[in-house]
C-alpha atoms as a PDB file:
ATOM      1  CA  MET A   1     130.001  92.344 157.654  1.00  0.00           C
ATOM      2  CA  ASN A   2     132.079  94.260 159.733  1.00  0.00           C
ATOM      3  CA  TYR A   3     131.315  97.034 161.971  1.00  0.00           C
ATOM      4  CA  GLU A   4     132.008  99.730 159.580  1.00  0.00           C
ATOM      5  CA  GLU A   5     129.557  98.278 157.076  1.00  0.00           C
ATOM      6  CA  LEU A   6     126.985  97.601 159.545  1.00  0.00           C
ATOM      7  CA  LEU A   7     127.271 101.233 160.681  1.00  0.00           C
ATOM      8  CA  THR A   8     127.161 102.344 156.688  1.00  0.00           C
ATOM      9  CA  GLN A   9     123.948 100.143 156.183  1.00  0.00           C
ATOM     10  CA  ILE A  10     122.254 101.441 159.461  1.00  0.00           C
ATOM     11  CA  THR A  11     123.256 105.462 159.130  1.00  0.00           C
ATOM     12  CA  LEU A  12     121.944 105.388 155.221  1.00  0.00           C
ATOM     13  CA  SER A  13     118.747 104.026 156.122  1.00  0.00           C
ATOM     14  CA  ASP A  14     117.746 106.333 158.949  1.00  0.00           C
ATOM     15  CA  ASP A  15     119.195 109.967 159.107  1.00  0.00           C
ATOM     16  CA  LYS A  16     118.492 110.181 162.592  1.00  0.00           C
ATOM     17  CA  PHE A  17     121.866 108.349 163.169  1.00  0.00           C
ATOM     18  CA  ILE A  18     124.777 110.687 163.608  1.00  0.00           C
ATOM     19  CA  ILE A  19     128.444 108.889 163.691  1.00  0.00           C
ATOM     20  CA  LEU A  20     130.861 110.725 166.287  1.00  0.00           C
ATOM     21  CA  THR A  21     134.299 110.157 167.309  1.00  0.00           C
ATOM     22  CA  ALA A  22     137.196 111.554 169.408  1.00  0.00           C
ATOM     23  CA  GLU A  23     139.904 111.317 166.749  1.00  0.00           C
ATOM     24  CA  ASN A  24     139.098 107.258 167.217  1.00  0.00           C
ATOM     25  CA  ARG A  25     138.870 106.235 163.472  1.00  0.00           C
ATOM     26  CA  ALA A  26     140.435 102.999 163.294  1.00  0.00           C
ATOM     27  CA  ALA A  27     137.028 101.151 162.693  1.00  0.00           C
ATOM     28  CA  ILE A  28     135.333 103.747 160.685  1.00  0.00           C
ATOM     29  CA  ARG A  29     137.619 105.385 158.547  1.00  0.00           C
ATOM     30  CA  ASN A  30     135.798 105.448 155.545  1.00  0.00           C
ATOM     31  CA  LEU A  31     132.632 106.689 156.712  1.00  0.00           C
ATOM     32  CA  PRO A  32     133.442 110.643 156.677  1.00  0.00           C
ATOM     33  CA  LYS A  33     133.479 110.441 152.682  1.00  0.00           C
ATOM     34  CA  ILE A  34     129.908 108.307 152.986  1.00  0.00           C
ATOM     35  CA  LEU A  35     128.117 110.508 155.831  1.00  0.00           C
ATOM     36  CA  GLY A  36     129.354 113.791 155.248  1.00  0.00           C
ATOM     37  CA  ASN A  37     128.197 116.373 157.812  1.00  0.00           C
ATOM     38  CA  ARG A  38     126.822 113.368 159.723  1.00  0.00           C
ATOM     39  CA  PHE A  39     130.305 112.254 160.708  1.00  0.00           C
ATOM     40  CA  ILE A  40     131.894 114.545 163.197  1.00  0.00           C
ATOM     41  CA  ASP A  41     135.505 114.253 164.611  1.00  0.00           C
ATOM     42  CA  THR A  42     135.805 116.505 167.784  1.00  0.00           C
ATOM     43  CA  GLY A  43     139.448 115.561 167.951  1.00  0.00           C
ATOM     44  CA  ILE A  44     140.852 114.306 171.300  1.00  0.00           C
ATOM     45  CA  THR A  45     138.034 115.785 173.376  1.00  0.00           C
ATOM     46  CA  GLU A  46     136.028 113.035 174.928  1.00  0.00           C
ATOM     47  CA  GLN A  47     133.792 115.425 177.382  1.00  0.00           C
ATOM     48  CA  THR A  48     133.011 117.849 174.432  1.00  0.00           C
ATOM     49  CA  MET A  49     132.213 114.615 172.098  1.00  0.00           C
ATOM     50  CA  VAL A  50     129.608 113.556 174.882  1.00  0.00           C
ATOM     51  CA  GLY A  51     128.133 116.961 175.454  1.00  0.00           C
ATOM     52  CA  ILE A  52     127.509 117.367 171.773  1.00  0.00           C
ATOM     53  CA  SER A  53     125.759 113.923 171.773  1.00  0.00           C
ATOM     54  CA  ALA A  54     123.460 114.657 174.291  1.00  0.00           C
ATOM     55  CA  GLY A  55     122.625 118.036 172.289  1.00  0.00           C
ATOM     56  CA  LEU A  56     122.068 115.884 169.154  1.00  0.00           C
ATOM     57  CA  ALA A  57     120.012 113.297 171.394  1.00  0.00           C
ATOM     58  CA  LEU A  58     117.804 116.058 172.536  1.00  0.00           C
ATOM     59  CA  ARG A  59     116.912 117.190 169.196  1.00  0.00           C
ATOM     60  CA  GLY A  60     115.804 113.576 167.891  1.00  0.00           C
ATOM     61  CA  ARG A  61     118.881 112.204 166.807  1.00  0.00           C
ATOM     62  CA  ILE A  62     120.751 109.060 167.788  1.00  0.00           C
ATOM     63  CA  PRO A  63     124.389 109.654 168.173  1.00  0.00           C
ATOM     64  CA  ILE A  64     126.904 106.741 168.172  1.00  0.00           C
ATOM     65  CA  THR A  65     130.043 107.980 169.665  1.00  0.00           C
ATOM     66  CA  HIS A  66     133.371 106.485 169.689  1.00  0.00           C
ATOM     67  CA  ALA A  67     136.657 106.910 171.784  1.00  0.00           C
ATOM     68  CA  LEU A  68     139.289 104.849 173.608  1.00  0.00           C
ATOM     69  CA  ALA A  69     137.284 103.110 176.067  1.00  0.00           C
ATOM     70  CA  SER A  70     139.726 104.158 179.212  1.00  0.00           C
ATOM     71  CA  PHE A  71     139.216 108.041 177.872  1.00  0.00           C
ATOM     72  CA  LEU A  72     135.629 107.663 177.534  1.00  0.00           C
ATOM     73  CA  THR A  73     134.524 106.350 180.667  1.00  0.00           C
ATOM     74  CA  MET A  74     136.924 108.116 183.070  1.00  0.00           C
ATOM     75  CA  ARG A  75     137.774 111.520 181.350  1.00  0.00           C
ATOM     76  CA  ALA A  76     134.228 112.037 180.277  1.00  0.00           C
ATOM     77  CA  PHE A  77     132.314 110.189 183.498  1.00  0.00           C
ATOM     78  CA  GLU A  78     130.817 113.386 184.740  1.00  0.00           C
ATOM     79  CA  PHE A  79     129.385 114.271 181.448  1.00  0.00           C
ATOM     80  CA  ILE A  80     127.914 110.648 180.727  1.00  0.00           C
ATOM     81  CA  ARG A  81     126.434 110.593 183.932  1.00  0.00           C
ATOM     82  CA  THR A  82     125.026 114.074 183.805  1.00  0.00           C
ATOM     83  CA  ASP A  83     124.211 115.033 180.117  1.00  0.00           C
ATOM     84  CA  ILE A  84     123.385 111.210 179.078  1.00  0.00           C
ATOM     85  CA  GLY A  85     122.471 109.622 182.063  1.00  0.00           C
ATOM     86  CA  ILE A  86     120.232 111.765 183.901  1.00  0.00           C
ATOM     87  CA  GLY A  87     118.466 112.559 181.055  1.00  0.00           C
ATOM     88  CA  GLN A  88     118.103 108.732 179.803  1.00  0.00           C
ATOM     89  CA  LEU A  89     119.017 110.341 176.324  1.00  0.00           C
ATOM     90  CA  PRO A  90     119.891 107.436 173.766  1.00  0.00           C
ATOM     91  CA  VAL A  91     123.467 107.797 173.095  1.00  0.00           C
ATOM     92  CA  LYS A  92     125.477 104.884 172.405  1.00  0.00           C
ATOM     93  CA  LEU A  93     129.003 104.891 173.730  1.00  0.00           C
ATOM     94  CA  VAL A  94     131.551 102.746 171.751  1.00  0.00           C
ATOM     95  CA  GLY A  95     134.765 102.132 173.705  1.00  0.00           C
ATOM     96  CA  SER A  96     137.426 100.626 171.514  1.00  0.00           C
ATOM     97  CA  PHE A  97     140.456  98.452 173.298  1.00  0.00           C
ATOM     98  CA  ALA A  98     138.757  97.684 176.652  1.00  0.00           C
ATOM     99  CA  GLY A  99     140.439  95.368 179.123  1.00  0.00           C
ATOM    100  CA  PHE A 100     143.427  93.353 177.460  1.00  0.00           C
ATOM    101  CA  LEU A 101     142.428  94.460 174.175  1.00  0.00           C
ATOM    102  CA  SER A 102     144.410  97.630 175.068  1.00  0.00           C
ATOM    103  CA  GLU A 103     147.406  95.142 175.004  1.00  0.00           C
ATOM    104  CA  ALA A 104     150.607  96.882 174.157  1.00  0.00           C
ATOM    105  CA  ASN A 105     149.173 100.167 175.989  1.00  0.00           C
ATOM    106  CA  GLY A 106     150.520 101.169 179.591  1.00  0.00           C
ATOM    107  CA  PRO A 107     148.135 101.888 182.508  1.00  0.00           C
ATOM    108  CA  THR A 108     146.821 105.155 181.511  1.00  0.00           C
ATOM    109  CA  HIS A 109     145.107 103.641 178.317  1.00  0.00           C
ATOM    110  CA  GLN A 110     143.920 100.613 179.948  1.00  0.00           C
ATOM    111  CA  ALA A 111     140.025 100.101 180.482  1.00  0.00           C
ATOM    112  CA  ILE A 112     139.968  97.610 183.228  1.00  0.00           C
ATOM    113  CA  GLU A 113     137.461  99.559 185.640  1.00  0.00           C
ATOM    114  CA  ASP A 114     135.078 100.776 182.848  1.00  0.00           C
ATOM    115  CA  ILE A 115     132.264  98.101 183.692  1.00  0.00           C
ATOM    116  CA  SER A 116     132.160  99.171 187.160  1.00  0.00           C
ATOM    117  CA  LEU A 117     131.695 102.832 186.212  1.00  0.00           C
ATOM    118  CA  MET A 118     129.342 102.372 183.914  1.00  0.00           C
ATOM    119  CA  ARG A 119     127.019 100.193 185.794  1.00  0.00           C
ATOM    120  CA  GLY A 120     127.070 102.839 188.169  1.00  0.00           C
ATOM    121  CA  ILE A 121     124.977 105.231 186.322  1.00  0.00           C
ATOM    122  CA  PRO A 122     121.318 104.098 186.840  1.00  0.00           C
ATOM    123  CA  LYS A 123     119.447 102.618 183.703  1.00  0.00           C
ATOM    124  CA  MET A 124     122.916 102.743 181.740  1.00  0.00           C
ATOM    125  CA  LYS A 125     122.833  99.322 179.568  1.00  0.00           C
ATOM    126  CA  ILE A 126     126.285  97.735 179.001  1.00  0.00           C
ATOM    127  CA  PHE A 127     126.849  95.625 176.043  1.00  0.00           C
ATOM    128  CA  CYS A 128     129.974  93.378 175.900  1.00  0.00           C
ATOM    129  CA  PRO A 129     130.085  91.205 172.657  1.00  0.00           C
ATOM    130  CA  SER A 130     132.557  88.179 172.597  1.00  0.00           C
ATOM    131  CA  ASP A 131     133.375  88.865 169.122  1.00  0.00           C
ATOM    132  CA  GLU A 132     132.856  90.707 166.123  1.00  0.00           C
ATOM    133  CA  ASN A 133     130.181  88.323 165.027  1.00  0.00           C
ATOM    134  CA  ASP A 134     128.588  88.866 168.174  1.00  0.00           C
ATOM    135  CA  MET A 135     128.729  92.286 167.922  1.00  0.00           C
ATOM    136  CA  ILE A 136     127.163  91.993 164.531  1.00  0.00           C
ATOM    137  CA  GLU A 137     124.094  90.121 165.473  1.00  0.00           C
ATOM    138  CA  CYS A 138     123.356  92.297 168.496  1.00  0.00           C
ATOM    139  CA  LEU A 139     124.153  95.777 167.438  1.00  0.00           C
ATOM    140  CA  PRO A 140     120.906  96.390 165.411  1.00  0.00           C
ATOM    141  CA  LYS A 141     118.754  96.054 168.434  1.00  0.00           C
ATOM    142  CA  ILE A 142     120.922  97.846 170.845  1.00  0.00           C
ATOM    143  CA  PHE A 143     121.139 100.728 168.249  1.00  0.00           C
ATOM    144  CA  ASP A 144     117.245 100.630 168.351  1.00  0.00           C
ATOM    145  CA  TYR A 145     116.998 100.913 172.079  1.00  0.00           C
ATOM    146  CA  ASN A 146     115.784 104.226 172.968  1.00  0.00           C
ATOM    147  CA  LYS A 147     118.207 104.631 176.332  1.00  0.00           C
ATOM    148  CA  PRO A 148     122.091 105.071 176.655  1.00  0.00           C
ATOM    149  CA  VAL A 149     124.312 102.130 176.107  1.00  0.00           C
ATOM    150  CA  TYR A 150     127.743 101.528 176.762  1.00  0.00           C
ATOM    151  CA  ILE A 151     129.488  98.984 174.310  1.00  0.00           C
ATOM    152  CA  ARG A 152     132.567  97.538 174.723  1.00  0.00           C
ATOM    153  CA  TYR A 153     133.896  97.169 171.067  1.00  0.00           C
ATOM    154  CA  ASN A 154     135.150  93.729 169.952  1.00  0.00           C
ATOM    155  CA  ASN A 155     136.343  92.855 166.590  1.00  0.00           C
ATOM    156  CA  LEU A 156     138.054  89.543 167.173  1.00  0.00           C
ATOM    157  CA  PRO A 157     137.083  86.576 164.822  1.00  0.00           C
ATOM    158  CA  ALA A 158     134.702  84.266 166.377  1.00  0.00           C
ATOM    159  CA  LEU A 159     135.336  80.643 167.546  1.00  0.00           C
ATOM    160  CA  PHE A 160     131.706  79.569 167.828  1.00  0.00           C
ATOM    161  CA  GLU A 161     128.169  80.165 165.856  1.00  0.00           C
ATOM    162  CA  HIS A 162     126.356  82.282 168.009  1.00  0.00           C
ATOM    163  CA  LYS A 163     122.375  82.340 168.731  1.00  0.00           C
ATOM    164  CA  PRO A 164     119.873  85.232 168.248  1.00  0.00           C
ATOM    165  CA  PHE A 165     119.883  88.311 170.461  1.00  0.00           C
ATOM    166  CA  GLU A 166     117.582  89.817 172.707  1.00  0.00           C
ATOM    167  CA  LEU A 167     118.348  92.394 175.191  1.00  0.00           C
ATOM    168  CA  GLY A 168     118.844  91.164 178.646  1.00  0.00           C
ATOM    169  CA  GLN A 169     119.300  87.550 177.549  1.00  0.00           C
ATOM    170  CA  ALA A 170     122.812  85.739 177.949  1.00  0.00           C
ATOM    171  CA  GLU A 171     123.704  82.909 175.558  1.00  0.00           C
ATOM    172  CA  LEU A 172     124.349  79.659 176.561  1.00  0.00           C
ATOM    173  CA  VAL A 173     127.448  78.583 174.611  1.00  0.00           C
ATOM    174  CA  THR A 174     127.909  75.071 175.994  1.00  0.00           C
ATOM    175  CA  GLU A 175     125.753  72.583 178.243  1.00  0.00           C
ATOM    176  CA  GLY A 176     127.503  70.721 181.494  1.00  0.00           C
ATOM    177  CA  ASN A 177     126.596  70.198 185.022  1.00  0.00           C
ATOM    178  CA  ASP A 178     130.203  69.994 186.727  1.00  0.00           C
ATOM    179  CA  LEU A 179     130.565  73.555 186.838  1.00  0.00           C
ATOM    180  CA  THR A 180     129.411  76.879 185.161  1.00  0.00           C
ATOM    181  CA  ILE A 181     131.831  79.711 183.751  1.00  0.00           C
ATOM    182  CA  LEU A 182     130.343  82.714 183.187  1.00  0.00           C
ATOM    183  CA  SER A 183     132.295  85.405 181.139  1.00  0.00           C
ATOM    184  CA  TYR A 184     131.798  88.403 178.577  1.00  0.00           C
ATOM    185  CA  GLY A 185     133.669  90.230 176.079  1.00  0.00           C
ATOM    186  CA  MET A 186     136.948  89.061 174.552  1.00  0.00           C
ATOM    187  CA  MET A 187     137.730  86.403 177.414  1.00  0.00           C
ATOM    188  CA  VAL A 188     134.520  84.567 176.045  1.00  0.00           C
ATOM    189  CA  ARG A 189     137.071  82.965 173.415  1.00  0.00           C
ATOM    190  CA  GLU A 190     139.580  81.774 175.915  1.00  0.00           C
ATOM    191  CA  ALA A 191     136.715  80.244 178.478  1.00  0.00           C
ATOM    192  CA  PHE A 192     135.504  78.542 175.227  1.00  0.00           C
ATOM    193  CA  ILE A 193     138.864  76.793 174.577  1.00  0.00           C
ATOM    194  CA  ALA A 194     139.432  76.301 178.336  1.00  0.00           C
ATOM    195  CA  SER A 195     135.705  74.530 178.297  1.00  0.00           C
ATOM    196  CA  GLU A 196     136.974  72.062 175.355  1.00  0.00           C
ATOM    197  CA  LEU A 197     140.168  71.287 177.134  1.00  0.00           C
ATOM    198  CA  LEU A 198     138.023  70.661 180.174  1.00  0.00           C
ATOM    199  CA  SER A 199     135.771  68.552 178.636  1.00  0.00           C
ATOM    200  CA  GLU A 200     138.702  66.533 177.266  1.00  0.00           C
ATOM    201  CA  ARG A 201     139.659  66.018 180.684  1.00  0.00           C
ATOM    202  CA  GLY A 202     136.449  64.675 181.977  1.00  0.00           C
ATOM    203  CA  ILE A 203     134.822  67.786 183.281  1.00  0.00           C
ATOM    204  CA  ASN A 204     131.509  69.149 181.820  1.00  0.00           C
ATOM    205  CA  ALA A 205     131.792  72.852 181.860  1.00  0.00           C
ATOM    206  CA  ARG A 206     128.580  75.015 181.147  1.00  0.00           C
ATOM    207  CA  LEU A 207     129.850  78.064 179.380  1.00  0.00           C
ATOM    208  CA  ILE A 208     127.414  81.106 179.444  1.00  0.00           C
ATOM    209  CA  ASN A 209     128.274  84.381 177.291  1.00  0.00           C
ATOM    210  CA  LEU A 210     126.911  87.489 179.347  1.00  0.00           C
ATOM    211  CA  ARG A 211     126.219  89.411 176.220  1.00  0.00           C
ATOM    212  CA  THR A 212     124.780  92.113 178.346  1.00  0.00           C
ATOM    213  CA  LEU A 213     126.007  92.512 182.048  1.00  0.00           C
ATOM    214  CA  LYS A 214     123.373  95.275 182.352  1.00  0.00           C
ATOM    215  CA  PRO A 215     120.659  94.170 182.450  1.00  0.00           C
ATOM    216  CA  PHE A 216     121.688  90.692 183.706  1.00  0.00           C
ATOM    217  CA  ASP A 217     120.155  87.734 182.921  1.00  0.00           C
ATOM    218  CA  ASP A 218     118.718  86.672 186.208  1.00  0.00           C
ATOM    219  CA  GLU A 219     116.731  83.501 184.685  1.00  0.00           C
ATOM    220  CA  ILE A 220     120.179  81.771 183.185  1.00  0.00           C
ATOM    221  CA  ILE A 221     121.907  82.572 186.620  1.00  0.00           C
ATOM    222  CA  PHE A 222     119.211  80.916 188.787  1.00  0.00           C
ATOM    223  CA  LYS A 223     119.569  77.762 186.743  1.00  0.00           C
ATOM    224  CA  ALA A 224     123.280  77.669 186.925  1.00  0.00           C
ATOM    225  CA  ILE A 225     123.357  78.095 190.678  1.00  0.00           C
ATOM    226  CA  PHE A 226     120.742  75.494 190.813  1.00  0.00           C
ATOM    227  CA  GLU A 227     122.000  73.107 188.500  1.00  0.00           C
ATOM    228  CA  THR A 228     125.668  73.397 189.081  1.00  0.00           C
ATOM    229  CA  PRO A 229     127.676  73.070 192.008  1.00  0.00           C
ATOM    230  CA  VAL A 230     130.587  75.426 191.209  1.00  0.00           C
ATOM    231  CA  LEU A 231     130.499  79.233 189.528  1.00  0.00           C
ATOM    232  CA  ILE A 232     133.800  80.583 187.989  1.00  0.00           C
ATOM    233  CA  THR A 233     133.799  84.186 186.591  1.00  0.00           C
ATOM    234  CA  ILE A 234     136.702  85.167 183.900  1.00  0.00           C
ATOM    235  CA  GLU A 235     136.877  88.548 182.920  1.00  0.00           C
ATOM    236  CA  ASP A 236     139.553  91.159 181.922  1.00  0.00           C
ATOM    237  CA  HIS A 237     138.735  93.759 184.523  1.00  0.00           C
ATOM    238  CA  LEU A 238     139.340  94.671 188.278  1.00  0.00           C
ATOM    239  CA  LYS A 239     137.859  91.856 190.446  1.00  0.00           C
ATOM    240  CA  LYS A 240     135.947  94.777 192.407  1.00  0.00           C
ATOM    241  CA  GLY A 241     133.224  96.303 190.633  1.00  0.00           C
ATOM    242  CA  GLY A 242     133.006  93.666 187.753  1.00  0.00           C
ATOM    243  CA  LEU A 243     131.338  90.517 186.756  1.00  0.00           C
ATOM    244  CA  TYR A 244     132.479  88.829 190.113  1.00  0.00           C
ATOM    245  CA  SER A 245     131.231  91.749 192.099  1.00  0.00           C
ATOM    246  CA  ILE A 246     127.608  91.661 190.008  1.00  0.00           C
ATOM    247  CA  LEU A 247     127.358  87.895 190.995  1.00  0.00           C
ATOM    248  CA  CYS A 248     127.968  88.569 194.379  1.00  0.00           C
ATOM    249  CA  GLU A 249     125.356  91.029 194.683  1.00  0.00           C
ATOM    250  CA  PHE A 250     123.006  88.882 193.133  1.00  0.00           C
ATOM    251  CA  ILE A 251     123.635  86.122 195.323  1.00  0.00           C
ATOM    252  CA  ALA A 252     123.423  88.112 198.274  1.00  0.00           C
ATOM    253  CA  LYS A 253     119.774  89.934 197.098  1.00  0.00           C
ATOM    254  CA  ASN A 254     118.121  86.614 196.341  1.00  0.00           C
ATOM    255  CA  LYS A 255     119.712  84.862 199.605  1.00  0.00           C
ATOM    256  CA  LEU A 256     121.257  82.008 197.442  1.00  0.00           C
ATOM    257  CA  SER A 257     124.297  80.072 198.321  1.00  0.00           C
ATOM    258  CA  THR A 258     126.786  78.697 196.018  1.00  0.00           C
ATOM    259  CA  ASP A 259     130.616  77.997 195.492  1.00  0.00           C
ATOM    260  CA  LEU A 260     131.926  80.979 193.443  1.00  0.00           C
ATOM    261  CA  GLU A 261     135.210  81.634 192.267  1.00  0.00           C
ATOM    262  CA  GLY A 262     136.385  84.955 190.487  1.00  0.00           C
ATOM    263  CA  ILE A 263     139.308  84.996 187.498  1.00  0.00           C
ATOM    264  CA  ALA A 264     140.102  88.747 187.501  1.00  0.00           C
ATOM    265  CA  LEU A 265     142.676  91.352 187.624  1.00  0.00           C
ATOM    266  CA  LYS A 266     143.393  91.809 191.404  1.00  0.00           C
ATOM    267  CA  ASN A 267     144.255  95.507 192.252  1.00  0.00           C
ATOM    268  CA  ARG A 268     146.847  95.940 189.614  1.00  0.00           C
ATOM    269  CA  TRP A 269     147.202  96.857 185.830  1.00  0.00           C
ATOM    270  CA  PHE A 270     148.550  94.301 183.424  1.00  0.00           C
ATOM    271  CA  LYS A 271     151.960  94.590 181.675  1.00  0.00           C
ATOM    272  CA  PRO A 272     151.879  95.682 178.375  1.00  0.00           C
ATOM    273  CA  ALA A 273     152.675  93.342 175.470  1.00  0.00           C
ATOM    274  CA  LEU A 274     151.171  91.767 172.294  1.00  0.00           C
ATOM    275  CA  LEU A 275     147.688  90.308 172.950  1.00  0.00           C
ATOM    276  CA  LYS A 276     148.823  86.599 173.327  1.00  0.00           C
ATOM    277  CA  ASP A 277     151.703  87.591 175.206  1.00  0.00           C
ATOM    278  CA  VAL A 278     149.625  89.555 177.708  1.00  0.00           C
ATOM    279  CA  LEU A 279     147.202  86.669 178.213  1.00  0.00           C
ATOM    280  CA  ALA A 280     150.005  84.258 178.759  1.00  0.00           C
ATOM    281  CA  ASN A 281     151.479  86.583 181.248  1.00  0.00           C
ATOM    282  CA  GLU A 282     148.530  87.293 183.322  1.00  0.00           C
ATOM    283  CA  GLY A 283     147.416  83.598 183.154  1.00  0.00           C
ATOM    284  CA  PHE A 284     144.313  84.121 181.060  1.00  0.00           C
ATOM    285  CA  THR A 285     145.063  81.647 178.032  1.00  0.00           C
ATOM    286  CA  GLY A 286     142.528  79.151 177.402  1.00  0.00           C
ATOM    287  CA  LEU A 287     145.041  76.441 178.560  1.00  0.00           C
ATOM    288  CA  GLN A 288     146.035  78.320 181.755  1.00  0.00           C
ATOM    289  CA  LEU A 289     142.379  78.956 182.450  1.00  0.00           C
ATOM    290  CA  ALA A 290     141.712  75.230 182.294  1.00  0.00           C
ATOM    291  CA  ASP A 291     144.695  74.376 184.805  1.00  0.00           C
ATOM    292  CA  ARG A 292     143.390  76.940 187.234  1.00  0.00           C
ATOM    293  CA  ILE A 293     139.652  75.849 187.094  1.00  0.00           C
ATOM    294  CA  GLU A 294     140.721  71.946 187.428  1.00  0.00           C
ATOM    295  CA  HIS A 295     143.096  72.840 190.441  1.00  0.00           C
ATOM    296  CA  TYR A 296     140.367  75.096 191.953  1.00  0.00           C
ATOM    297  CA  LEU A 297     137.948  71.947 191.455  1.00  0.00           C
ATOM    298  CA  ILE A 298     140.513  69.286 192.937  1.00  0.00           C
ATOM    299  CA  ASN A 299     141.274  71.515 196.110  1.00  0.00           C
ATOM    300  CA  LYS A 300     137.547  72.042 196.738  1.00  0.00           C
ATOM    301  CA  GLY A 301     136.775  68.491 196.530  1.00  0.00           C
ATOM    302  CA  SER A 302     134.762  68.841 193.685  1.00  0.00           C
ATOM    303  CA  ILE A 303     132.577  66.070 191.765  1.00  0.00           C
ATOM    304  CA  TYR A 304     135.438  65.744 189.809  1.00  0.00           C
ATOM    305  CA  ASN A 305     137.817  65.231 192.697  1.00  0.00           C
ATOM    306  CA  GLU A 306     135.501  62.071 193.565  1.00  0.00           C
ATOM    307  CA  ARG A 307     135.743  60.687 190.363  1.00  0.00           C
ATOM    308  CA  SER A 308     139.825  60.518 190.044  1.00  0.00           C
END
């Protein structure tokens, strides 16, 4: 089942669901003829779309809105904060082409600060699936949640089988005691490849797929800090405001101490290209990540260094 098929199934089974888009139809192009007046395309008007969604939610509907992540989270931010956030309305905000998935688009279309923006809205939940299977596995419970959620749309093919989903619970992908790798969204794929390469080099990495960044899975992070000597975050987002910042806040709040390193974009946008070339140019392929992590461990005098 793909995303459009899931939406078709959900919307036909419950007329509370309304599909909206700001001229972003790539993943839902067949829905207008199926849903009729329950499909609304507002055109390139993200602010208007959010306002309409708030109005529909106030009248008992569950709007699922679609737009480019950059314009949804930035252009319509005030409307999301005020119209949806303050009232805690059950609008589901689906941002497409977030992070590196924007690939060939330039800085104006790159959403690399969307997590920072959305997590700043009180009680806004954030869901970042690692691939299409992960997204399809989790979305029914996300749509049933009666509060606003920001969703980083991701239709990339899966590299591993996913575990059942509960809101606020991360997914333990691989076991390991030498270090923990934490990631979300499409970068989980590259982190998975990196963990396999590290395993071949004798480094046992624990990989955690943080399906929801808000709510954050405190329990799995506590275990990682106490059971592994090093934590590495990997994300296609600015380092400030994203997962690295979330971990820093968590560690400070709980008065913990650990060796934390963040791999992220640092104060700049990425060079547009095809996705595989973007990853290679920015140093985010699985192989490059494995090399960077191994180099970090050696320089830090880790357990791995002591084995060598």
